[in-house]
């Protein structure tokens, strides 16, 4: 015996709350009327009919050929042109029921996950502290890749030190130092250009605009100070 009651909060109990003697699942005429023309995952025809009380049958009752579950099958199949991190073709199509497929349904060639791949592939020409080339590319979706997507050759992290190194030939009036001083802003390390873990040099004035990161400070201490002073 069916366990669905009139007081049940399930959607199948809606006909019972309306005075029917059957829930949605056991409705005797649920296989009458217009049958949905869609196909299931196994390739079989959908078993939703217009006389069914299922919510998915609402488009059939309005004269449509597909239920709400298979409405996307009326679209011409468009597959995302992006590739995954393993260099495999993306499997999302405009018929996929995921929000990531929305750009494919509005004329786009890429899903939401691979939308950044519509830009030409450009890899940052900057170098890390270890001397290895930066791995940031224009196909990445984080904010650091925005300059590469705009036609630049450096990511946001390496673009600033590069620009300041080109402008370092002129004398810095703000810091009053000679040529070769790359950085004048107080929010970057004066040695490497990093913006993390910045502190004043102890020998500098407390009001000085020159900062150093902890990594450069540790290198300087290791070269100039005995271990007993660390």
C-alpha atoms as a PDB file:
ATOM      1  CA  UNK A   1       0.000   0.000   0.000  1.00  0.00           C
ATOM      2  CA  UNK A   2       1.260   3.448  -0.871  1.00  0.00           C
ATOM      3  CA  UNK A   3       2.640   5.346   2.099  1.00  0.00           C
ATOM      4  CA  UNK A   4       1.889   8.828   0.708  1.00  0.00           C
ATOM      5  CA  UNK A   5      -0.766  10.610   2.780  1.00  0.00           C
ATOM      6  CA  UNK A   6      -2.701  13.808   2.328  1.00  0.00           C
ATOM      7  CA  UNK A   7      -0.641  15.449   5.058  1.00  0.00           C
ATOM      8  CA  UNK A   8       2.660  14.443   3.431  1.00  0.00           C
ATOM      9  CA  UNK A   9       4.825  17.404   2.384  1.00  0.00           C
ATOM     10  CA  UNK A  10       5.881  15.666  -0.839  1.00  0.00           C
ATOM     11  CA  UNK A  11       4.787  16.874  -4.272  1.00  0.00           C
ATOM     12  CA  UNK A  12       3.289  13.443  -5.001  1.00  0.00           C
ATOM     13  CA  UNK A  13       0.649  14.181  -2.349  1.00  0.00           C
ATOM     14  CA  UNK A  14      -0.678  17.249  -4.206  1.00  0.00           C
ATOM     15  CA  UNK A  15      -3.583  15.335  -5.875  1.00  0.00           C
ATOM     16  CA  UNK A  16      -4.590  13.932  -2.483  1.00  0.00           C
ATOM     17  CA  UNK A  17      -4.761  17.439  -1.034  1.00  0.00           C
ATOM     18  CA  UNK A  18      -6.975  18.402  -3.997  1.00  0.00           C
ATOM     19  CA  UNK A  19      -9.516  15.643  -3.318  1.00  0.00           C
ATOM     20  CA  UNK A  20      -8.174  12.823  -5.511  1.00  0.00           C
ATOM     21  CA  UNK A  21      -7.935   9.260  -4.271  1.00  0.00           C
ATOM     22  CA  UNK A  22      -4.509   8.694  -5.869  1.00  0.00           C
ATOM     23  CA  UNK A  23      -1.127  10.304  -5.495  1.00  0.00           C
ATOM     24  CA  UNK A  24       0.794  11.530  -8.516  1.00  0.00           C
ATOM     25  CA  UNK A  25       2.749   8.297  -8.890  1.00  0.00           C
ATOM     26  CA  UNK A  26      -0.315   6.007  -8.781  1.00  0.00           C
ATOM     27  CA  UNK A  27      -2.648   8.128 -10.862  1.00  0.00           C
ATOM     28  CA  UNK A  28      -4.528   5.635 -13.135  1.00  0.00           C
ATOM     29  CA  UNK A  29      -4.586   7.884 -16.232  1.00  0.00           C
ATOM     30  CA  UNK A  30      -0.996   9.134 -16.028  1.00  0.00           C
ATOM     31  CA  UNK A  31      -0.129   7.272 -19.269  1.00  0.00           C
ATOM     32  CA  UNK A  32      -2.826   8.952 -21.378  1.00  0.00           C
ATOM     33  CA  UNK A  33      -2.703  11.995 -23.596  1.00  0.00           C
ATOM     34  CA  UNK A  34       0.323  13.296 -25.528  1.00  0.00           C
ATOM     35  CA  UNK A  35       3.582  11.483 -24.821  1.00  0.00           C
ATOM     36  CA  UNK A  36       6.830  13.401 -24.514  1.00  0.00           C
ATOM     37  CA  UNK A  37       9.041  13.010 -27.606  1.00  0.00           C
ATOM     38  CA  UNK A  38      12.266  13.183 -25.600  1.00  0.00           C
ATOM     39  CA  UNK A  39      14.708  10.358 -24.980  1.00  0.00           C
ATOM     40  CA  UNK A  40      16.094   9.121 -21.689  1.00  0.00           C
ATOM     41  CA  UNK A  41      19.769   8.407 -20.969  1.00  0.00           C
ATOM     42  CA  UNK A  42      19.236   4.801 -22.091  1.00  0.00           C
ATOM     43  CA  UNK A  43      17.850   5.940 -25.444  1.00  0.00           C
ATOM     44  CA  UNK A  44      14.240   5.023 -24.599  1.00  0.00           C
ATOM     45  CA  UNK A  45      11.322   7.365 -25.173  1.00  0.00           C
ATOM     46  CA  UNK A  46      10.218   9.435 -22.214  1.00  0.00           C
ATOM     47  CA  UNK A  47       7.199   8.034 -20.337  1.00  0.00           C
ATOM     48  CA  UNK A  48       5.722  11.404 -19.270  1.00  0.00           C
ATOM     49  CA  UNK A  49       2.256  12.088 -20.721  1.00  0.00           C
ATOM     50  CA  UNK A  50       0.162  15.229 -20.799  1.00  0.00           C
ATOM     51  CA  UNK A  51      -2.540  13.754 -18.536  1.00  0.00           C
ATOM     52  CA  UNK A  52      -0.005  13.017 -15.836  1.00  0.00           C
ATOM     53  CA  UNK A  53      -0.038  15.124 -12.690  1.00  0.00           C
ATOM     54  CA  UNK A  54       3.760  15.321 -12.717  1.00  0.00           C
ATOM     55  CA  UNK A  55       5.198  18.826 -12.709  1.00  0.00           C
ATOM     56  CA  UNK A  56       7.346  17.889 -15.724  1.00  0.00           C
ATOM     57  CA  UNK A  57       4.190  17.353 -17.815  1.00  0.00           C
ATOM     58  CA  UNK A  58       3.163  21.014 -17.644  1.00  0.00           C
ATOM     59  CA  UNK A  59       4.631  21.893 -21.104  1.00  0.00           C
ATOM     60  CA  UNK A  60       2.771  18.903 -22.637  1.00  0.00           C
ATOM     61  CA  UNK A  61      -0.522  20.196 -21.270  1.00  0.00           C
ATOM     62  CA  UNK A  62       0.216  23.517 -23.008  1.00  0.00           C
ATOM     63  CA  UNK A  63       0.733  21.824 -26.381  1.00  0.00           C
ATOM     64  CA  UNK A  64       4.514  21.322 -26.354  1.00  0.00           C
ATOM     65  CA  UNK A  65       6.154  18.134 -27.664  1.00  0.00           C
ATOM     66  CA  UNK A  66       8.674  17.793 -24.840  1.00  0.00           C
ATOM     67  CA  UNK A  67       8.300  17.719 -21.083  1.00  0.00           C
ATOM     68  CA  UNK A  68      10.246  20.164 -18.927  1.00  0.00           C
ATOM     69  CA  UNK A  69      12.951  17.538 -18.303  1.00  0.00           C
ATOM     70  CA  UNK A  70      13.695  17.131 -22.020  1.00  0.00           C
ATOM     71  CA  UNK A  71      13.090  20.683 -23.275  1.00  0.00           C
ATOM     72  CA  UNK A  72      16.804  21.143 -23.916  1.00  0.00           C
ATOM     73  CA  UNK A  73      16.746  18.287 -26.440  1.00  0.00           C
ATOM     74  CA  UNK A  74      14.958  20.574 -28.899  1.00  0.00           C
ATOM     75  CA  UNK A  75      18.163  22.608 -29.283  1.00  0.00           C
ATOM     76  CA  UNK A  76      20.748  21.878 -31.964  1.00  0.00           C
ATOM     77  CA  UNK A  77      23.618  20.089 -30.270  1.00  0.00           C
ATOM     78  CA  UNK A  78      26.561  22.431 -29.551  1.00  0.00           C
ATOM     79  CA  UNK A  79      29.556  21.074 -27.678  1.00  0.00           C
ATOM     80  CA  UNK A  80      31.957  23.231 -25.686  1.00  0.00           C
ATOM     81  CA  UNK A  81      35.180  23.881 -27.630  1.00  0.00           C
ATOM     82  CA  UNK A  82      37.284  24.041 -24.454  1.00  0.00           C
ATOM     83  CA  UNK A  83      39.724  21.501 -23.097  1.00  0.00           C
ATOM     84  CA  UNK A  84      40.145  20.262 -19.552  1.00  0.00           C
ATOM     85  CA  UNK A  85      43.288  20.403 -17.430  1.00  0.00           C
ATOM     86  CA  UNK A  86      44.155  16.931 -18.754  1.00  0.00           C
ATOM     87  CA  UNK A  87      43.984  18.213 -22.352  1.00  0.00           C
ATOM     88  CA  UNK A  88      40.748  16.369 -23.060  1.00  0.00           C
ATOM     89  CA  UNK A  89      37.729  17.795 -24.850  1.00  0.00           C
ATOM     90  CA  UNK A  90      35.032  19.250 -22.618  1.00  0.00           C
ATOM     91  CA  UNK A  91      31.897  17.092 -22.486  1.00  0.00           C
ATOM     92  CA  UNK A  92      29.403  19.886 -21.683  1.00  0.00           C
ATOM     93  CA  UNK A  93      26.861  20.678 -24.399  1.00  0.00           C
ATOM     94  CA  UNK A  94      24.003  23.153 -24.701  1.00  0.00           C
ATOM     95  CA  UNK A  95      21.679  20.284 -23.778  1.00  0.00           C
ATOM     96  CA  UNK A  96      23.413  19.700 -20.450  1.00  0.00           C
ATOM     97  CA  UNK A  97      21.170  20.656 -17.504  1.00  0.00           C
ATOM     98  CA  UNK A  98      23.995  22.509 -15.738  1.00  0.00           C
ATOM     99  CA  UNK A  99      24.223  26.298 -15.264  1.00  0.00           C
ATOM    100  CA  UNK A 100      27.730  26.090 -16.750  1.00  0.00           C
ATOM    101  CA  UNK A 101      26.096  25.334 -20.124  1.00  0.00           C
ATOM    102  CA  UNK A 102      24.178  28.632 -20.266  1.00  0.00           C
ATOM    103  CA  UNK A 103      26.736  30.386 -22.549  1.00  0.00           C
ATOM    104  CA  UNK A 104      26.348  27.553 -25.088  1.00  0.00           C
ATOM    105  CA  UNK A 105      22.590  28.118 -25.179  1.00  0.00           C
ATOM    106  CA  UNK A 106      23.049  31.832 -25.954  1.00  0.00           C
ATOM    107  CA  UNK A 107      25.395  31.393 -28.919  1.00  0.00           C
ATOM    108  CA  UNK A 108      28.756  31.008 -27.159  1.00  0.00           C
ATOM    109  CA  UNK A 109      31.403  28.447 -28.097  1.00  0.00           C
ATOM    110  CA  UNK A 110      32.591  27.749 -24.556  1.00  0.00           C
ATOM    111  CA  UNK A 111      30.883  26.750 -21.331  1.00  0.00           C
ATOM    112  CA  UNK A 112      31.175  28.892 -18.210  1.00  0.00           C
ATOM    113  CA  UNK A 113      34.117  26.847 -16.909  1.00  0.00           C
ATOM    114  CA  UNK A 114      36.161  27.285 -20.115  1.00  0.00           C
ATOM    115  CA  UNK A 115      35.010  30.775 -21.125  1.00  0.00           C
ATOM    116  CA  UNK A 116      38.544  32.136 -20.581  1.00  0.00           C
ATOM    117  CA  UNK A 117      39.787  29.857 -23.379  1.00  0.00           C
ATOM    118  CA  UNK A 118      38.187  32.136 -25.941  1.00  0.00           C
ATOM    119  CA  UNK A 119      41.327  34.289 -25.537  1.00  0.00           C
ATOM    120  CA  UNK A 120      44.561  33.400 -27.393  1.00  0.00           C
ATOM    121  CA  UNK A 121      46.881  31.226 -25.306  1.00  0.00           C
ATOM    122  CA  UNK A 122      49.581  33.471 -23.800  1.00  0.00           C
ATOM    123  CA  UNK A 123      51.946  32.426 -21.028  1.00  0.00           C
ATOM    124  CA  UNK A 124      53.462  34.982 -18.674  1.00  0.00           C
ATOM    125  CA  UNK A 125      57.101  35.788 -19.530  1.00  0.00           C
ATOM    126  CA  UNK A 126      57.993  36.619 -15.930  1.00  0.00           C
ATOM    127  CA  UNK A 127      60.202  34.464 -13.732  1.00  0.00           C
ATOM    128  CA  UNK A 128      59.692  33.189 -10.207  1.00  0.00           C
ATOM    129  CA  UNK A 129      62.293  33.653  -7.472  1.00  0.00           C
ATOM    130  CA  UNK A 130      63.637  30.174  -8.260  1.00  0.00           C
ATOM    131  CA  UNK A 131      64.301  31.232 -11.852  1.00  0.00           C
ATOM    132  CA  UNK A 132      61.486  29.103 -13.281  1.00  0.00           C
ATOM    133  CA  UNK A 133      59.168  30.751 -15.784  1.00  0.00           C
ATOM    134  CA  UNK A 134      55.774  31.797 -14.442  1.00  0.00           C
ATOM    135  CA  UNK A 135      52.986  29.292 -15.074  1.00  0.00           C
ATOM    136  CA  UNK A 136      50.128  31.815 -15.324  1.00  0.00           C
ATOM    137  CA  UNK A 137      48.420  31.810 -18.733  1.00  0.00           C
ATOM    138  CA  UNK A 138      45.567  33.693 -20.379  1.00  0.00           C
ATOM    139  CA  UNK A 139      43.432  30.561 -20.143  1.00  0.00           C
ATOM    140  CA  UNK A 140      43.246  30.780 -16.364  1.00  0.00           C
ATOM    141  CA  UNK A 141      40.201  32.416 -14.788  1.00  0.00           C
ATOM    142  CA  UNK A 142      41.753  34.120 -11.729  1.00  0.00           C
ATOM    143  CA  UNK A 143      42.438  37.866 -11.520  1.00  0.00           C
ATOM    144  CA  UNK A 144      46.169  37.446 -12.029  1.00  0.00           C
ATOM    145  CA  UNK A 145      45.593  36.379 -15.649  1.00  0.00           C
ATOM    146  CA  UNK A 146      43.606  39.498 -16.598  1.00  0.00           C
ATOM    147  CA  UNK A 147      46.613  41.370 -18.107  1.00  0.00           C
ATOM    148  CA  UNK A 148      47.387  38.364 -20.317  1.00  0.00           C
ATOM    149  CA  UNK A 149      43.811  38.325 -21.570  1.00  0.00           C
ATOM    150  CA  UNK A 150      44.160  42.017 -22.448  1.00  0.00           C
ATOM    151  CA  UNK A 151      47.189  41.455 -24.701  1.00  0.00           C
ATOM    152  CA  UNK A 152      49.996  41.905 -22.159  1.00  0.00           C
ATOM    153  CA  UNK A 153      52.917  39.479 -21.804  1.00  0.00           C
ATOM    154  CA  UNK A 154      53.104  39.557 -17.984  1.00  0.00           C
ATOM    155  CA  UNK A 155      50.586  38.494 -15.340  1.00  0.00           C
ATOM    156  CA  UNK A 156      49.455  40.987 -12.716  1.00  0.00           C
ATOM    157  CA  UNK A 157      52.173  39.886 -10.279  1.00  0.00           C
ATOM    158  CA  UNK A 158      55.069  40.306 -12.732  1.00  0.00           C
ATOM    159  CA  UNK A 159      53.681  43.262 -14.682  1.00  0.00           C
ATOM    160  CA  UNK A 160      54.393  45.820 -11.939  1.00  0.00           C
ATOM    161  CA  UNK A 161      58.047  44.961 -11.297  1.00  0.00           C
ATOM    162  CA  UNK A 162      58.644  44.912 -15.053  1.00  0.00           C
ATOM    163  CA  UNK A 163      57.087  48.352 -15.517  1.00  0.00           C
ATOM    164  CA  UNK A 164      59.025  49.774 -12.586  1.00  0.00           C
ATOM    165  CA  UNK A 165      62.302  48.290 -13.808  1.00  0.00           C
ATOM    166  CA  UNK A 166      61.833  50.099 -17.123  1.00  0.00           C
ATOM    167  CA  UNK A 167      61.186  53.353 -15.290  1.00  0.00           C
ATOM    168  CA  UNK A 168      64.102  52.838 -12.889  1.00  0.00           C
ATOM    169  CA  UNK A 169      66.595  54.710 -15.065  1.00  0.00           C
ATOM    170  CA  UNK A 170      65.264  58.062 -13.890  1.00  0.00           C
ATOM    171  CA  UNK A 171      65.955  59.526 -10.479  1.00  0.00           C
ATOM    172  CA  UNK A 172      63.246  58.924  -7.912  1.00  0.00           C
ATOM    173  CA  UNK A 173      62.201  62.274  -6.413  1.00  0.00           C
ATOM    174  CA  UNK A 174      59.885  60.685  -3.826  1.00  0.00           C
ATOM    175  CA  UNK A 175      62.627  58.545  -2.265  1.00  0.00           C
ATOM    176  CA  UNK A 176      65.572  60.745  -3.312  1.00  0.00           C
ATOM    177  CA  UNK A 177      67.820  57.914  -4.469  1.00  0.00           C
ATOM    178  CA  UNK A 178      69.975  57.365  -7.542  1.00  0.00           C
ATOM    179  CA  UNK A 179      69.381  55.209 -10.617  1.00  0.00           C
ATOM    180  CA  UNK A 180      68.560  51.572 -10.047  1.00  0.00           C
ATOM    181  CA  UNK A 181      65.941  52.131  -7.337  1.00  0.00           C
ATOM    182  CA  UNK A 182      63.061  50.148  -8.803  1.00  0.00           C
ATOM    183  CA  UNK A 183      60.264  50.650  -6.326  1.00  0.00           C
ATOM    184  CA  UNK A 184      58.939  53.782  -4.691  1.00  0.00           C
ATOM    185  CA  UNK A 185      55.556  52.691  -3.379  1.00  0.00           C
ATOM    186  CA  UNK A 186      55.200  51.769   0.253  1.00  0.00           C
ATOM    187  CA  UNK A 187      53.146  48.643  -0.451  1.00  0.00           C
ATOM    188  CA  UNK A 188      55.867  46.617  -2.180  1.00  0.00           C
ATOM    189  CA  UNK A 189      59.207  45.115  -1.158  1.00  0.00           C
ATOM    190  CA  UNK A 190      62.114  47.324  -2.226  1.00  0.00           C
ATOM    191  CA  UNK A 191      64.207  44.245  -3.060  1.00  0.00           C
ATOM    192  CA  UNK A 192      61.931  41.870  -4.960  1.00  0.00           C
ATOM    193  CA  UNK A 193      58.642  43.715  -5.528  1.00  0.00           C
ATOM    194  CA  UNK A 194      56.507  41.323  -3.487  1.00  0.00           C
ATOM    195  CA  UNK A 195      53.440  42.662  -1.664  1.00  0.00           C
ATOM    196  CA  UNK A 196      53.246  40.102   1.153  1.00  0.00           C
ATOM    197  CA  UNK A 197      54.640  40.217   4.714  1.00  0.00           C
ATOM    198  CA  UNK A 198      56.059  43.734   4.437  1.00  0.00           C
ATOM    199  CA  UNK A 199      57.884  45.439   7.334  1.00  0.00           C
ATOM    200  CA  UNK A 200      60.239  48.383   7.793  1.00  0.00           C
ATOM    201  CA  UNK A 201      63.962  47.871   7.793  1.00  0.00           C
ATOM    202  CA  UNK A 202      64.985  48.286  11.487  1.00  0.00           C
ATOM    203  CA  UNK A 203      67.780  50.702  10.560  1.00  0.00           C
ATOM    204  CA  UNK A 204      65.411  52.915   8.564  1.00  0.00           C
ATOM    205  CA  UNK A 205      63.296  55.708   9.926  1.00  0.00           C
ATOM    206  CA  UNK A 206      59.880  54.577  11.168  1.00  0.00           C
ATOM    207  CA  UNK A 207      58.266  57.066   8.778  1.00  0.00           C
ATOM    208  CA  UNK A 208      60.189  55.750   5.775  1.00  0.00           C
ATOM    209  CA  UNK A 209      58.300  54.538   2.697  1.00  0.00           C
ATOM    210  CA  UNK A 210      60.790  51.711   2.061  1.00  0.00           C
ATOM    211  CA  UNK A 211      59.564  48.220   2.983  1.00  0.00           C
ATOM    212  CA  UNK A 212      61.063  44.738   2.772  1.00  0.00           C
ATOM    213  CA  UNK A 213      59.329  41.358   2.774  1.00  0.00           C
ATOM    214  CA  UNK A 214      60.201  38.645   5.286  1.00  0.00           C
ATOM    215  CA  UNK A 215      61.886  36.464   2.663  1.00  0.00           C
ATOM    216  CA  UNK A 216      64.361  39.184   1.624  1.00  0.00           C
ATOM    217  CA  UNK A 217      64.944  40.058   5.269  1.00  0.00           C
ATOM    218  CA  UNK A 218      65.831  36.424   6.067  1.00  0.00           C
ATOM    219  CA  UNK A 219      68.274  36.324   3.149  1.00  0.00           C
ATOM    220  CA  UNK A 220      69.940  39.541   4.328  1.00  0.00           C
ATOM    221  CA  UNK A 221      70.204  38.257   7.900  1.00  0.00           C
ATOM    222  CA  UNK A 222      71.732  35.007   6.716  1.00  0.00           C
ATOM    223  CA  UNK A 223      74.414  36.867   4.758  1.00  0.00           C
ATOM    224  CA  UNK A 224      75.321  39.569   7.288  1.00  0.00           C
ATOM    225  CA  UNK A 225      74.364  38.392  10.779  1.00  0.00           C
ATOM    226  CA  UNK A 226      75.700  35.458  12.811  1.00  0.00           C
ATOM    227  CA  UNK A 227      73.154  32.814  13.789  1.00  0.00           C
ATOM    228  CA  UNK A 228      73.403  33.832  17.432  1.00  0.00           C
ATOM    229  CA  UNK A 229      71.684  37.129  16.544  1.00  0.00           C
ATOM    230  CA  UNK A 230      68.664  35.539  14.813  1.00  0.00           C
END
